[in-house]
Amino acid sequence: MDEITKHEPQRLARPLSEVARKYAKGSKAESTLKGYRTDWQHFLAWCAAQGRMALPADPTTVADYVATLADEGSCKVSTLEHRLASISQAHQLAGYDSPSKASLVRTVMKGIRRDLGVAQTKKTAATTEVLRLMLEELGEDLLGKRDRALLLVGFAGAFRRSELVGLDVADVAFVPQGMVITLRKSKTDQEGQGQKKAIPYGTSAATCPVRALKAWLKAAKIDEGPLLRGVDRWGNVQKRGLSDKAVALVVKRCAEAAGLDPAEFAGHSLRAGLATSAALAGAAEWEIMRQTGHRTSEMVQKYIREADLFKGNVAGKVGL
């Protein structure tokens, strides 16, 4: 977040050394830092237009900022909370107390939450049935094989977008039971301790993630480097790996081809699909968490509750 220090009104008594700054930046994922930078630039622009000081910012300035965005209807509550986190990070990195934590800001945000609500618009989970519909529309060319591997590995491994596109050939070990994929770093493992995910052979060749990945690697002649790569319109396989945004585009395109509304799906649909399908199949909470990598049961419980909506539902017992 080098942009932050350019707007300091005064030099810090003890500015961070370059080495300390490097490790401070390394404590966050690059995607997180990118989000912080975007949010901070937005706050800077707003402060400049309003004639306010951005660093250090007065709590009143921050309260007015989020209130203005909420009143304009340009941001969801979750977006405002992310903006506050970015402002907080900028101030802490520059050596100032965070104005985002002031009681005034918290009170304003409480009012915004009550007014706008905090329910998130969730994307549809690509459950087993949905995934089969997507797979049926894929061809046998290179792009079709790549998309089949992406969908099935992303689903079976319950990978986040960034995790899926960050995989290399060296991270995959094929074993008699299927394959073991080593996830070297993830959102919940910023220190890179690593996690191994086992993906067994599927019961059907058409929906088997192991066979799909082997077919893609063989057809694309990939034996090292990024696991999932772009394929141009002439059928040439790119050397660089896919971006995380490409995962969402693939999922949306395959959903549309299957006759589904692409707006309802995103990259997270694969991860949510595995968790939801596992819950429907009666998998235990700890079993789902082992595959998804969730550290707490809160999110997994949401998948289980949604999967159980029709189980024991009293509306089905009153003779309608």
C-alpha atoms as a PDB file:
ATOM      1  CA  MET A   1       0.000   0.000   0.000  1.00  0.00           C
ATOM      2  CA  ASP A   2       2.719   2.446  -1.019  1.00  0.00           C
ATOM      3  CA  GLU A   3       0.091   4.954  -2.130  1.00  0.00           C
ATOM      4  CA  ILE A   4      -0.862   5.471   1.502  1.00  0.00           C
ATOM      5  CA  THR A   5       2.382   7.049   2.598  1.00  0.00           C
ATOM      6  CA  LYS A   6       2.259   9.626  -0.193  1.00  0.00           C
ATOM      7  CA  HIS A   7      -0.613  11.375   1.535  1.00  0.00           C
ATOM      8  CA  GLU A   8       0.788  11.647   5.051  1.00  0.00           C
ATOM      9  CA  PRO A   9       0.456  15.199   6.402  1.00  0.00           C
ATOM     10  CA  GLN A  10       3.700  14.797   8.330  1.00  0.00           C
ATOM     11  CA  ARG A  11       6.626  12.405   8.558  1.00  0.00           C
ATOM     12  CA  LEU A  12       6.331   9.713  11.158  1.00  0.00           C
ATOM     13  CA  ALA A  13       8.765   9.845  14.057  1.00  0.00           C
ATOM     14  CA  ARG A  14       9.716   6.238  13.366  1.00  0.00           C
ATOM     15  CA  PRO A  15       8.727   5.236   9.843  1.00  0.00           C
ATOM     16  CA  LEU A  16       8.829   1.562   8.972  1.00  0.00           C
ATOM     17  CA  SER A  17      12.070   0.322   7.453  1.00  0.00           C
ATOM     18  CA  GLU A  18      11.893  -1.154   3.959  1.00  0.00           C
ATOM     19  CA  VAL A  19      12.367  -4.640   5.407  1.00  0.00           C
ATOM     20  CA  ALA A  20       9.558  -4.161   7.927  1.00  0.00           C
ATOM     21  CA  ARG A  21       7.318  -2.702   5.213  1.00  0.00           C
ATOM     22  CA  LYS A  22       7.975  -5.731   3.007  1.00  0.00           C
ATOM     23  CA  TYR A  23       6.914  -8.155   5.738  1.00  0.00           C
ATOM     24  CA  ALA A  24       3.912  -6.018   6.694  1.00  0.00           C
ATOM     25  CA  LYS A  25       2.686  -6.142   3.105  1.00  0.00           C
ATOM     26  CA  GLY A  26       3.463  -9.866   2.960  1.00  0.00           C
ATOM     27  CA  SER A  27       1.079 -10.531   5.848  1.00  0.00           C
ATOM     28  CA  LYS A  28      -1.853 -10.060   3.465  1.00  0.00           C
ATOM     29  CA  ALA A  29      -2.732 -11.852   0.244  1.00  0.00           C
ATOM     30  CA  GLU A  30      -2.084  -9.821  -2.914  1.00  0.00           C
ATOM     31  CA  SER A  31      -5.788  -9.883  -3.781  1.00  0.00           C
ATOM     32  CA  THR A  32      -6.547  -8.405  -0.352  1.00  0.00           C
ATOM     33  CA  LEU A  33      -3.938  -5.669  -0.792  1.00  0.00           C
ATOM     34  CA  LYS A  34      -5.356  -4.863  -4.218  1.00  0.00           C
ATOM     35  CA  GLY A  35      -8.784  -4.401  -2.657  1.00  0.00           C
ATOM     36  CA  TYR A  36      -7.324  -2.154   0.047  1.00  0.00           C
ATOM     37  CA  ARG A  37      -5.589  -0.002  -2.562  1.00  0.00           C
ATOM     38  CA  THR A  38      -8.771   0.406  -4.617  1.00  0.00           C
ATOM     39  CA  ASP A  39     -10.821   1.339  -1.559  1.00  0.00           C
ATOM     40  CA  TRP A  40      -8.171   3.756  -0.323  1.00  0.00           C
ATOM     41  CA  GLN A  41      -7.991   5.552  -3.661  1.00  0.00           C
ATOM     42  CA  HIS A  42     -11.776   5.967  -3.593  1.00  0.00           C
ATOM     43  CA  PHE A  43     -11.619   7.452  -0.094  1.00  0.00           C
ATOM     44  CA  LEU A  44      -8.784   9.790  -1.127  1.00  0.00           C
ATOM     45  CA  ALA A  45     -10.777  11.029  -4.113  1.00  0.00           C
ATOM     46  CA  TRP A  46     -13.866  11.616  -1.975  1.00  0.00           C
ATOM     47  CA  CYS A  47     -11.872  13.522   0.658  1.00  0.00           C
ATOM     48  CA  ALA A  48     -10.220  15.659  -2.022  1.00  0.00           C
ATOM     49  CA  ALA A  49     -13.612  16.550  -3.516  1.00  0.00           C
ATOM     50  CA  GLN A  50     -14.975  17.419  -0.069  1.00  0.00           C
ATOM     51  CA  GLY A  51     -11.897  19.319   1.066  1.00  0.00           C
ATOM     52  CA  ARG A  52     -11.325  16.834   3.908  1.00  0.00           C
ATOM     53  CA  MET A  53      -8.064  15.400   5.249  1.00  0.00           C
ATOM     54  CA  ALA A  54      -7.709  11.707   4.432  1.00  0.00           C
ATOM     55  CA  LEU A  55      -4.693  10.829   6.564  1.00  0.00           C
ATOM     56  CA  PRO A  56      -5.142  11.070   9.420  1.00  0.00           C
ATOM     57  CA  ALA A  57      -8.893  11.238   8.914  1.00  0.00           C
ATOM     58  CA  ASP A  58     -11.248  12.529  11.569  1.00  0.00           C
ATOM     59  CA  PRO A  59     -13.971  10.021  12.605  1.00  0.00           C
ATOM     60  CA  THR A  60     -16.537  12.580  11.427  1.00  0.00           C
ATOM     61  CA  THR A  61     -15.033  12.450   7.947  1.00  0.00           C
ATOM     62  CA  VAL A  62     -15.242   8.651   7.843  1.00  0.00           C
ATOM     63  CA  ALA A  63     -18.800   8.673   9.217  1.00  0.00           C
ATOM     64  CA  ASP A  64     -19.869  11.212   6.572  1.00  0.00           C
ATOM     65  CA  TYR A  65     -18.138   9.134   3.883  1.00  0.00           C
ATOM     66  CA  VAL A  66     -20.006   5.878   4.576  1.00  0.00           C
ATOM     67  CA  ALA A  67     -23.274   7.759   5.193  1.00  0.00           C
ATOM     68  CA  THR A  68     -22.976   9.470   1.803  1.00  0.00           C
ATOM     69  CA  LEU A  69     -22.329   6.197  -0.005  1.00  0.00           C
ATOM     70  CA  ALA A  70     -25.225   4.516   1.781  1.00  0.00           C
ATOM     71  CA  ASP A  71     -27.565   7.410   0.970  1.00  0.00           C
ATOM     72  CA  GLU A  72     -26.551   7.308  -2.698  1.00  0.00           C
ATOM     73  CA  GLY A  73     -27.332   3.595  -2.783  1.00  0.00           C
ATOM     74  CA  SER A  74     -24.018   2.942  -4.509  1.00  0.00           C
ATOM     75  CA  CYS A  75     -22.709   0.419  -1.975  1.00  0.00           C
ATOM     76  CA  LYS A  76     -23.968  -2.623  -0.115  1.00  0.00           C
ATOM     77  CA  VAL A  77     -23.343  -2.927   3.607  1.00  0.00           C
ATOM     78  CA  SER A  78     -20.611  -5.508   2.971  1.00  0.00           C
ATOM     79  CA  THR A  79     -18.861  -3.062   0.617  1.00  0.00           C
ATOM     80  CA  LEU A  80     -18.999  -0.272   3.209  1.00  0.00           C
ATOM     81  CA  GLU A  81     -17.516  -2.593   5.815  1.00  0.00           C
ATOM     82  CA  HIS A  82     -14.692  -3.461   3.433  1.00  0.00           C
ATOM     83  CA  ARG A  83     -14.062   0.242   2.796  1.00  0.00           C
ATOM     84  CA  LEU A  84     -13.823   0.839   6.557  1.00  0.00           C
ATOM     85  CA  ALA A  85     -11.353  -2.028   6.885  1.00  0.00           C
ATOM     86  CA  SER A  86      -9.204  -0.505   4.137  1.00  0.00           C
ATOM     87  CA  ILE A  87      -9.240   2.922   5.805  1.00  0.00           C
ATOM     88  CA  SER A  88      -8.289   1.259   9.070  1.00  0.00           C
ATOM     89  CA  GLN A  89      -5.382  -0.617   7.464  1.00  0.00           C
ATOM     90  CA  ALA A  90      -4.101   2.575   5.823  1.00  0.00           C
ATOM     91  CA  HIS A  91      -4.057   4.430   9.126  1.00  0.00           C
ATOM     92  CA  GLN A  92      -2.459   1.591  11.072  1.00  0.00           C
ATOM     93  CA  LEU A  93       0.274   1.139   8.480  1.00  0.00           C
ATOM     94  CA  ALA A  94       1.000   4.878   8.646  1.00  0.00           C
ATOM     95  CA  GLY A  95       1.149   4.807  12.440  1.00  0.00           C
ATOM     96  CA  TYR A  96      -2.194   6.400  13.274  1.00  0.00           C
ATOM     97  CA  ASP A  97      -5.166   5.196  15.278  1.00  0.00           C
ATOM     98  CA  SER A  98      -7.968   3.839  13.124  1.00  0.00           C
ATOM     99  CA  PRO A  99     -10.901   6.284  12.768  1.00  0.00           C
ATOM    100  CA  SER A 100     -13.014   3.336  11.568  1.00  0.00           C
ATOM    101  CA  LYS A 101     -13.150   2.037  15.141  1.00  0.00           C
ATOM    102  CA  ALA A 102     -14.463   5.281  16.635  1.00  0.00           C
ATOM    103  CA  SER A 103     -17.832   5.077  18.400  1.00  0.00           C
ATOM    104  CA  LEU A 104     -19.319   7.661  16.024  1.00  0.00           C
ATOM    105  CA  VAL A 105     -18.490   5.534  12.971  1.00  0.00           C
ATOM    106  CA  ARG A 106     -19.785   2.369  14.639  1.00  0.00           C
ATOM    107  CA  THR A 107     -23.055   4.141  15.514  1.00  0.00           C
ATOM    108  CA  VAL A 108     -23.531   5.395  11.949  1.00  0.00           C
ATOM    109  CA  MET A 109     -22.818   1.923  10.551  1.00  0.00           C
ATOM    110  CA  LYS A 110     -25.338   0.411  12.953  1.00  0.00           C
ATOM    111  CA  GLY A 111     -27.975   2.752  11.574  1.00  0.00           C
ATOM    112  CA  ILE A 112     -26.972   1.903   8.000  1.00  0.00           C
ATOM    113  CA  ARG A 113     -27.285  -1.808   8.705  1.00  0.00           C
ATOM    114  CA  ARG A 114     -30.754  -1.346  10.181  1.00  0.00           C
ATOM    115  CA  ASP A 115     -31.815   0.730   7.191  1.00  0.00           C
ATOM    116  CA  LEU A 116     -30.256  -1.272   4.362  1.00  0.00           C
ATOM    117  CA  GLY A 117     -30.164  -4.709   5.940  1.00  0.00           C
ATOM    118  CA  VAL A 118     -27.194  -7.046   5.861  1.00  0.00           C
ATOM    119  CA  ALA A 119     -28.551 -10.054   3.979  1.00  0.00           C
ATOM    120  CA  GLN A 120     -26.106 -10.965   1.246  1.00  0.00           C
ATOM    121  CA  THR A 121     -27.152 -11.810  -2.296  1.00  0.00           C
ATOM    122  CA  LYS A 122     -25.700 -15.266  -2.629  1.00  0.00           C
ATOM    123  CA  LYS A 123     -24.863 -17.006  -5.866  1.00  0.00           C
ATOM    124  CA  THR A 124     -26.496 -20.328  -6.627  1.00  0.00           C
ATOM    125  CA  ALA A 125     -24.563 -23.410  -5.564  1.00  0.00           C
ATOM    126  CA  ALA A 126     -23.573 -25.671  -8.449  1.00  0.00           C
ATOM    127  CA  THR A 127     -24.797 -28.875  -6.838  1.00  0.00           C
ATOM    128  CA  THR A 128     -24.168 -32.305  -8.340  1.00  0.00           C
ATOM    129  CA  GLU A 129     -27.308 -32.082 -10.498  1.00  0.00           C
ATOM    130  CA  VAL A 130     -26.414 -28.610 -11.767  1.00  0.00           C
ATOM    131  CA  LEU A 131     -22.839 -29.655 -12.449  1.00  0.00           C
ATOM    132  CA  ARG A 132     -23.999 -32.599 -14.566  1.00  0.00           C
ATOM    133  CA  LEU A 133     -26.094 -30.235 -16.700  1.00  0.00           C
ATOM    134  CA  MET A 134     -23.054 -28.020 -17.283  1.00  0.00           C
ATOM    135  CA  LEU A 135     -20.815 -30.958 -18.177  1.00  0.00           C
ATOM    136  CA  GLU A 136     -23.268 -32.320 -20.745  1.00  0.00           C
ATOM    137  CA  GLU A 137     -22.788 -29.231 -22.897  1.00  0.00           C
ATOM    138  CA  LEU A 138     -18.986 -29.429 -23.064  1.00  0.00           C
ATOM    139  CA  GLY A 139     -17.207 -30.555 -26.219  1.00  0.00           C
ATOM    140  CA  GLU A 140     -14.216 -32.845 -26.608  1.00  0.00           C
ATOM    141  CA  ASP A 141     -11.876 -30.160 -27.935  1.00  0.00           C
ATOM    142  CA  LEU A 142      -9.127 -28.598 -25.821  1.00  0.00           C
ATOM    143  CA  LEU A 143     -11.391 -25.913 -24.410  1.00  0.00           C
ATOM    144  CA  GLY A 144     -14.004 -28.498 -23.493  1.00  0.00           C
ATOM    145  CA  LYS A 145     -11.435 -30.688 -21.754  1.00  0.00           C
ATOM    146  CA  ARG A 146     -10.021 -27.682 -19.882  1.00  0.00           C
ATOM    147  CA  ASP A 147     -13.456 -26.554 -18.727  1.00  0.00           C
ATOM    148  CA  ARG A 148     -14.407 -30.086 -17.687  1.00  0.00           C
ATOM    149  CA  ALA A 149     -11.259 -30.369 -15.560  1.00  0.00           C
ATOM    150  CA  LEU A 150     -11.816 -26.901 -14.083  1.00  0.00           C
ATOM    151  CA  LEU A 151     -15.423 -27.596 -13.103  1.00  0.00           C
ATOM    152  CA  LEU A 152     -14.845 -31.056 -11.673  1.00  0.00           C
ATOM    153  CA  VAL A 153     -11.602 -30.336  -9.811  1.00  0.00           C
ATOM    154  CA  GLY A 154     -12.967 -27.037  -8.511  1.00  0.00           C
ATOM    155  CA  PHE A 155     -16.109 -28.806  -7.293  1.00  0.00           C
ATOM    156  CA  ALA A 156     -14.549 -31.965  -5.840  1.00  0.00           C
ATOM    157  CA  GLY A 157     -11.775 -30.036  -4.105  1.00  0.00           C
ATOM    158  CA  ALA A 158     -14.117 -27.252  -2.927  1.00  0.00           C
ATOM    159  CA  PHE A 159     -11.463 -24.809  -4.076  1.00  0.00           C
ATOM    160  CA  ARG A 160     -11.721 -21.043  -3.937  1.00  0.00           C
ATOM    161  CA  ARG A 161     -11.076 -19.345  -7.285  1.00  0.00           C
ATOM    162  CA  SER A 162      -7.623 -18.128  -6.273  1.00  0.00           C
ATOM    163  CA  GLU A 163      -6.687 -21.571  -4.960  1.00  0.00           C
ATOM    164  CA  LEU A 164      -7.777 -23.332  -8.136  1.00  0.00           C
ATOM    165  CA  VAL A 165      -5.875 -21.103 -10.550  1.00  0.00           C
ATOM    166  CA  GLY A 166      -2.827 -21.123  -8.264  1.00  0.00           C
ATOM    167  CA  LEU A 167      -2.280 -24.864  -8.650  1.00  0.00           C
ATOM    168  CA  ASP A 168       0.758 -26.218 -10.494  1.00  0.00           C
ATOM    169  CA  VAL A 169       1.328 -29.672 -11.975  1.00  0.00           C
ATOM    170  CA  ALA A 170       3.792 -30.302  -9.146  1.00  0.00           C
ATOM    171  CA  ASP A 171       0.952 -29.875  -6.650  1.00  0.00           C
ATOM    172  CA  VAL A 172      -0.881 -32.938  -7.982  1.00  0.00           C
ATOM    173  CA  ALA A 173       0.044 -36.512  -7.077  1.00  0.00           C
ATOM    174  CA  PHE A 174      -1.913 -39.267  -8.811  1.00  0.00           C
ATOM    175  CA  VAL A 175      -2.405 -42.269  -6.563  1.00  0.00           C
ATOM    176  CA  PRO A 176      -4.333 -45.572  -6.942  1.00  0.00           C
ATOM    177  CA  GLN A 177      -7.388 -44.105  -5.172  1.00  0.00           C
ATOM    178  CA  GLY A 178      -7.437 -40.896  -7.230  1.00  0.00           C
ATOM    179  CA  MET A 179      -5.243 -37.857  -6.622  1.00  0.00           C
ATOM    180  CA  VAL A 180      -3.895 -35.782  -3.772  1.00  0.00           C
ATOM    181  CA  ILE A 181      -3.621 -32.040  -4.371  1.00  0.00           C
ATOM    182  CA  THR A 182      -1.372 -29.943  -2.164  1.00  0.00           C
ATOM    183  CA  LEU A 183      -2.739 -26.491  -1.545  1.00  0.00           C
ATOM    184  CA  ARG A 184       0.371 -24.515  -0.621  1.00  0.00           C
ATOM    185  CA  LYS A 185      -1.370 -21.316   0.467  1.00  0.00           C
ATOM    186  CA  SER A 186      -4.955 -20.186   0.815  1.00  0.00           C
ATOM    187  CA  LYS A 187      -7.141 -17.444   2.264  1.00  0.00           C
ATOM    188  CA  THR A 188      -7.160 -19.187   5.645  1.00  0.00           C
ATOM    189  CA  ASP A 189      -3.505 -20.262   5.439  1.00  0.00           C
ATOM    190  CA  GLN A 190      -1.548 -17.094   4.691  1.00  0.00           C
ATOM    191  CA  GLU A 191       1.563 -18.519   6.373  1.00  0.00           C
ATOM    192  CA  GLY A 192       1.728 -21.297   3.791  1.00  0.00           C
ATOM    193  CA  GLN A 193       1.611 -24.300   6.086  1.00  0.00           C
ATOM    194  CA  GLY A 194      -0.164 -26.160   3.302  1.00  0.00           C
ATOM    195  CA  GLN A 195      -3.140 -28.485   3.084  1.00  0.00           C
ATOM    196  CA  LYS A 196      -3.588 -31.772   1.242  1.00  0.00           C
ATOM    197  CA  LYS A 197      -6.923 -32.530  -0.412  1.00  0.00           C
ATOM    198  CA  ALA A 198      -7.782 -36.036  -1.526  1.00  0.00           C
ATOM    199  CA  ILE A 199      -9.996 -36.357  -4.590  1.00  0.00           C
ATOM    200  CA  PRO A 200     -11.127 -39.924  -5.351  1.00  0.00           C
ATOM    201  CA  TYR A 201     -12.045 -41.398  -8.723  1.00  0.00           C
ATOM    202  CA  GLY A 202     -15.668 -40.704  -9.654  1.00  0.00           C
ATOM    203  CA  THR A 203     -18.215 -43.473 -10.105  1.00  0.00           C
ATOM    204  CA  SER A 204     -18.809 -42.322 -13.698  1.00  0.00           C
ATOM    205  CA  ALA A 205     -16.090 -41.576 -16.234  1.00  0.00           C
ATOM    206  CA  ALA A 206     -18.085 -38.592 -17.540  1.00  0.00           C
ATOM    207  CA  THR A 207     -18.067 -36.871 -14.155  1.00  0.00           C
ATOM    208  CA  CYS A 208     -14.750 -38.073 -12.735  1.00  0.00           C
ATOM    209  CA  PRO A 209     -12.434 -35.208 -11.703  1.00  0.00           C
ATOM    210  CA  VAL A 210      -9.333 -37.424 -11.800  1.00  0.00           C
ATOM    211  CA  ARG A 211      -9.949 -38.690 -15.333  1.00  0.00           C
ATOM    212  CA  ALA A 212     -10.923 -35.188 -16.463  1.00  0.00           C
ATOM    213  CA  LEU A 213      -7.687 -33.659 -15.208  1.00  0.00           C
ATOM    214  CA  LYS A 214      -5.570 -36.427 -16.735  1.00  0.00           C
ATOM    215  CA  ALA A 215      -7.338 -35.969 -20.087  1.00  0.00           C
ATOM    216  CA  TRP A 216      -6.724 -32.198 -20.052  1.00  0.00           C
ATOM    217  CA  LEU A 217      -3.051 -32.492 -19.147  1.00  0.00           C
ATOM    218  CA  LYS A 218      -2.465 -35.122 -21.833  1.00  0.00           C
ATOM    219  CA  ALA A 219      -4.330 -33.242 -24.574  1.00  0.00           C
ATOM    220  CA  ALA A 220      -2.690 -29.911 -23.662  1.00  0.00           C
ATOM    221  CA  LYS A 221       0.742 -31.579 -23.319  1.00  0.00           C
ATOM    222  CA  ILE A 222       1.300 -29.995 -19.926  1.00  0.00           C
ATOM    223  CA  ASP A 223       3.864 -31.648 -17.671  1.00  0.00           C
ATOM    224  CA  GLU A 224       4.948 -28.676 -15.557  1.00  0.00           C
ATOM    225  CA  GLY A 225       3.869 -25.197 -14.594  1.00  0.00           C
ATOM    226  CA  PRO A 226       0.301 -23.879 -14.153  1.00  0.00           C
ATOM    227  CA  LEU A 227      -2.342 -26.593 -14.068  1.00  0.00           C
ATOM    228  CA  LEU A 228      -5.178 -24.636 -15.711  1.00  0.00           C
ATOM    229  CA  ARG A 229      -4.363 -22.362 -18.634  1.00  0.00           C
ATOM    230  CA  GLY A 230      -6.011 -20.281 -21.280  1.00  0.00           C
ATOM    231  CA  VAL A 231      -6.841 -21.677 -24.718  1.00  0.00           C
ATOM    232  CA  ASP A 232      -6.966 -19.143 -27.563  1.00  0.00           C
ATOM    233  CA  ARG A 233      -9.452 -19.209 -30.439  1.00  0.00           C
ATOM    234  CA  TRP A 234      -7.018 -21.189 -32.585  1.00  0.00           C
ATOM    235  CA  GLY A 235      -6.754 -23.923 -29.976  1.00  0.00           C
ATOM    236  CA  ASN A 236      -3.325 -22.954 -28.672  1.00  0.00           C
ATOM    237  CA  VAL A 237      -2.632 -23.539 -24.981  1.00  0.00           C
ATOM    238  CA  GLN A 238      -1.153 -20.527 -23.206  1.00  0.00           C
ATOM    239  CA  LYS A 239       1.909 -20.778 -20.971  1.00  0.00           C
ATOM    240  CA  ARG A 240       0.487 -18.671 -18.166  1.00  0.00           C
ATOM    241  CA  GLY A 241      -2.204 -19.782 -15.782  1.00  0.00           C
ATOM    242  CA  LEU A 242      -5.789 -18.562 -15.697  1.00  0.00           C
ATOM    243  CA  SER A 243      -6.828 -15.593 -13.580  1.00  0.00           C
ATOM    244  CA  ASP A 244      -9.331 -16.063 -10.772  1.00  0.00           C
ATOM    245  CA  LYS A 245     -11.855 -14.022 -12.772  1.00  0.00           C
ATOM    246  CA  ALA A 246     -11.602 -16.566 -15.584  1.00  0.00           C
ATOM    247  CA  VAL A 247     -13.028 -19.238 -13.270  1.00  0.00           C
ATOM    248  CA  ALA A 248     -16.198 -17.204 -12.787  1.00  0.00           C
ATOM    249  CA  LEU A 249     -16.476 -16.627 -16.545  1.00  0.00           C
ATOM    250  CA  VAL A 250     -16.169 -20.355 -17.252  1.00  0.00           C
ATOM    251  CA  VAL A 251     -18.825 -21.214 -14.671  1.00  0.00           C
ATOM    252  CA  LYS A 252     -21.205 -18.566 -16.057  1.00  0.00           C
ATOM    253  CA  ARG A 253     -20.627 -19.656 -19.656  1.00  0.00           C
ATOM    254  CA  CYS A 254     -21.227 -23.316 -18.843  1.00  0.00           C
ATOM    255  CA  ALA A 255     -24.341 -22.441 -16.833  1.00  0.00           C
ATOM    256  CA  GLU A 256     -25.749 -20.457 -19.747  1.00  0.00           C
ATOM    257  CA  ALA A 257     -24.998 -23.301 -22.177  1.00  0.00           C
ATOM    258  CA  ALA A 258     -26.944 -25.613 -19.863  1.00  0.00           C
ATOM    259  CA  GLY A 259     -29.988 -23.322 -20.032  1.00  0.00           C
ATOM    260  CA  LEU A 260     -29.439 -21.776 -16.614  1.00  0.00           C
ATOM    261  CA  ASP A 261     -29.291 -18.085 -15.693  1.00  0.00           C
ATOM    262  CA  PRO A 262     -25.576 -17.179 -15.719  1.00  0.00           C
ATOM    263  CA  ALA A 263     -26.207 -14.202 -13.428  1.00  0.00           C
ATOM    264  CA  GLU A 264     -27.022 -16.630 -10.622  1.00  0.00           C
ATOM    265  CA  PHE A 265     -23.632 -18.349 -10.784  1.00  0.00           C
ATOM    266  CA  ALA A 266     -20.041 -17.383 -10.003  1.00  0.00           C
ATOM    267  CA  GLY A 267     -16.711 -19.004  -9.249  1.00  0.00           C
ATOM    268  CA  HIS A 268     -17.802 -19.645  -5.670  1.00  0.00           C
ATOM    269  CA  SER A 269     -20.694 -21.769  -6.966  1.00  0.00           C
ATOM    270  CA  LEU A 270     -18.367 -24.769  -7.303  1.00  0.00           C
ATOM    271  CA  ARG A 271     -17.152 -24.598  -3.708  1.00  0.00           C
ATOM    272  CA  ALA A 272     -20.668 -23.978  -2.409  1.00  0.00           C
ATOM    273  CA  GLY A 273     -21.929 -26.786  -4.625  1.00  0.00           C
ATOM    274  CA  LEU A 274     -19.675 -29.382  -3.036  1.00  0.00           C
ATOM    275  CA  ALA A 275     -20.560 -28.265   0.497  1.00  0.00           C
ATOM    276  CA  THR A 276     -24.288 -28.231  -0.249  1.00  0.00           C
ATOM    277  CA  SER A 277     -24.234 -31.562  -2.098  1.00  0.00           C
ATOM    278  CA  ALA A 278     -22.247 -33.173   0.707  1.00  0.00           C
ATOM    279  CA  ALA A 279     -24.760 -31.889   3.264  1.00  0.00           C
ATOM    280  CA  LEU A 280     -27.634 -33.273   1.171  1.00  0.00           C
ATOM    281  CA  ALA A 281     -25.847 -36.632   1.038  1.00  0.00           C
ATOM    282  CA  GLY A 282     -25.697 -36.702   4.839  1.00  0.00           C
ATOM    283  CA  ALA A 283     -21.984 -35.924   5.262  1.00  0.00           C
ATOM    284  CA  ALA A 284     -20.949 -34.883   8.752  1.00  0.00           C
ATOM    285  CA  GLU A 285     -19.963 -31.296   9.437  1.00  0.00           C
ATOM    286  CA  TRP A 286     -16.340 -32.228  10.140  1.00  0.00           C
ATOM    287  CA  GLU A 287     -16.138 -34.168   6.865  1.00  0.00           C
ATOM    288  CA  ILE A 288     -17.295 -31.126   4.890  1.00  0.00           C
ATOM    289  CA  MET A 289     -14.880 -28.862   6.763  1.00  0.00           C
ATOM    290  CA  ARG A 290     -11.960 -31.184   6.044  1.00  0.00           C
ATOM    291  CA  GLN A 291     -12.526 -30.794   2.301  1.00  0.00           C
ATOM    292  CA  THR A 292     -13.492 -27.115   2.207  1.00  0.00           C
ATOM    293  CA  GLY A 293     -10.786 -26.024   4.635  1.00  0.00           C
ATOM    294  CA  HIS A 294     -13.168 -23.934   6.729  1.00  0.00           C
ATOM    295  CA  ARG A 295     -11.675 -23.248  10.147  1.00  0.00           C
ATOM    296  CA  THR A 296     -14.985 -22.557  11.848  1.00  0.00           C
ATOM    297  CA  SER A 297     -18.327 -24.291  11.439  1.00  0.00           C
ATOM    298  CA  GLU A 298     -20.379 -21.102  10.954  1.00  0.00           C
ATOM    299  CA  MET A 299     -20.311 -21.102   7.145  1.00  0.00           C
ATOM    300  CA  VAL A 300     -20.625 -24.872   6.881  1.00  0.00           C
ATOM    301  CA  GLN A 301     -23.682 -24.764   9.130  1.00  0.00           C
ATOM    302  CA  LYS A 302     -25.319 -22.386   6.624  1.00  0.00           C
ATOM    303  CA  TYR A 303     -24.820 -24.926   3.844  1.00  0.00           C
ATOM    304  CA  ILE A 304     -26.239 -27.681   6.044  1.00  0.00           C
ATOM    305  CA  ARG A 305     -29.271 -25.601   7.037  1.00  0.00           C
ATOM    306  CA  GLU A 306     -30.042 -24.743   3.418  1.00  0.00           C
ATOM    307  CA  ALA A 307     -29.671 -28.379   2.401  1.00  0.00           C
ATOM    308  CA  ASP A 308     -32.069 -29.380   5.192  1.00  0.00           C
ATOM    309  CA  LEU A 309     -34.802 -26.830   4.365  1.00  0.00           C
ATOM    310  CA  PHE A 310     -37.209 -29.532   3.175  1.00  0.00           C
ATOM    311  CA  LYS A 311     -36.240 -32.145   5.749  1.00  0.00           C
ATOM    312  CA  GLY A 312     -38.872 -32.327   8.453  1.00  0.00           C
ATOM    313  CA  ASN A 313     -40.647 -29.296   7.021  1.00  0.00           C
ATOM    314  CA  VAL A 314     -44.025 -28.954   8.754  1.00  0.00           C
ATOM    315  CA  ALA A 315     -45.692 -27.566   5.628  1.00  0.00           C
ATOM    316  CA  GLY A 316     -45.321 -31.011   4.105  1.00  0.00           C
ATOM    317  CA  LYS A 317     -47.098 -32.647   7.020  1.00  0.00           C
ATOM    318  CA  VAL A 318     -50.393 -30.804   7.034  1.00  0.00           C
ATOM    319  CA  GLY A 319     -52.022 -32.537   4.073  1.00  0.00           C
ATOM    320  CA  LEU A 320     -51.809 -29.793   1.464  1.00  0.00           C
END
